[in-house]
Amino acid sequence: MAQAVTPLTRDPQLEALKLPPEQVAYVGDDLRLDVEGAQKAGLKGIWMNRSGTTVPPELAHIRP
């Protein structure tokens, strides 16, 4: 099972990129775990919607 991105406090991968979180994108196929998790961590969350699914009403607050 995939793990969501957690809030960033001195994340070594972002430090290696030498970029602030708002300039980094996280791509995933799970709207809640990947996109919402990335957004909560300050990253740009990109939804890889392979099936062409519409955003369910209960997840409408997430803007992929």
Protein backbone atom coordinates (compact mmCIF):
# COMPACT_ATOMS: atom_id res chain seq x y z
CA MET A 1 0.00 0.00 0.00
CA ALA A 2 1.27 3.46 -0.90
CA GLN A 3 2.09 5.92 1.82
CA ALA A 4 1.01 9.53 1.64
CA VAL A 5 3.50 12.35 1.63
CA THR A 6 3.91 13.68 5.14
CA PRO A 7 4.48 17.30 6.13
CA LEU A 8 8.01 18.31 5.31
CA THR A 9 10.47 19.32 7.96
CA ARG A 10 14.01 19.18 6.58
CA ASP A 11 13.23 16.53 3.99
CA PRO A 12 16.59 15.23 2.69
CA GLN A 13 15.27 14.63 -0.84
CA LEU A 14 14.07 18.22 -1.16
CA GLU A 15 17.30 19.48 0.34
CA ALA A 16 19.21 17.51 -2.31
CA LEU A 17 17.16 19.22 -5.03
CA LYS A 18 17.92 22.61 -3.49
CA LEU A 19 14.35 23.68 -4.24
CA PRO A 20 11.59 24.88 -1.96
CA PRO A 21 8.59 22.51 -1.72
CA GLU A 22 6.33 24.83 -3.74
CA GLN A 23 8.64 24.33 -6.74
CA VAL A 24 8.45 20.52 -6.60
CA ALA A 25 5.72 18.31 -8.09
CA TYR A 26 4.64 14.90 -6.85
CA VAL A 27 2.88 12.69 -9.40
CA GLY A 28 0.63 9.85 -8.31
CA ASP A 29 -2.44 7.88 -9.23
CA ASP A 30 -4.27 8.12 -5.91
CA LEU A 31 -6.11 11.41 -5.55
CA ARG A 32 -6.30 11.32 -1.76
CA LEU A 33 -2.93 9.80 -0.87
CA ASP A 34 -0.75 11.24 -3.59
CA VAL A 35 -2.30 14.55 -4.60
CA GLU A 36 -3.82 15.67 -1.32
CA GLY A 37 -0.79 14.38 0.59
CA ALA A 38 1.59 16.30 -1.65
CA GLN A 39 -0.49 19.47 -1.37
CA LYS A 40 -0.54 19.20 2.43
CA ALA A 41 3.24 18.88 2.32
CA GLY A 42 3.52 22.08 0.27
CA LEU A 43 4.23 20.36 -3.06
CA LYS A 44 2.28 20.55 -6.31
CA GLY A 45 0.19 17.39 -6.47
CA ILE A 46 -0.41 15.99 -9.96
CA TRP A 47 -3.01 13.27 -10.47
CA MET A 48 -2.13 10.59 -13.03
CA ASN A 49 -5.72 9.68 -13.83
CA ARG A 50 -5.19 6.70 -16.13
CA SER A 51 -8.80 5.57 -16.04
CA GLY A 52 -10.33 8.98 -16.80
CA THR A 53 -12.30 8.93 -13.54
CA THR A 54 -14.05 12.10 -12.47
CA VAL A 55 -13.28 13.53 -9.05
CA PRO A 56 -15.69 11.96 -6.54
CA PRO A 57 -17.85 14.50 -4.66
CA GLU A 58 -16.25 13.62 -1.31
CA LEU A 59 -12.83 14.57 -2.75
CA ALA A 60 -13.96 17.74 -4.53
CA HIS A 61 -11.87 19.82 -2.10
CA ILE A 62 -8.70 18.37 -3.73
CA ARG A 63 -7.65 20.33 -6.83
CA PRO A 64 -5.41 18.10 -8.97
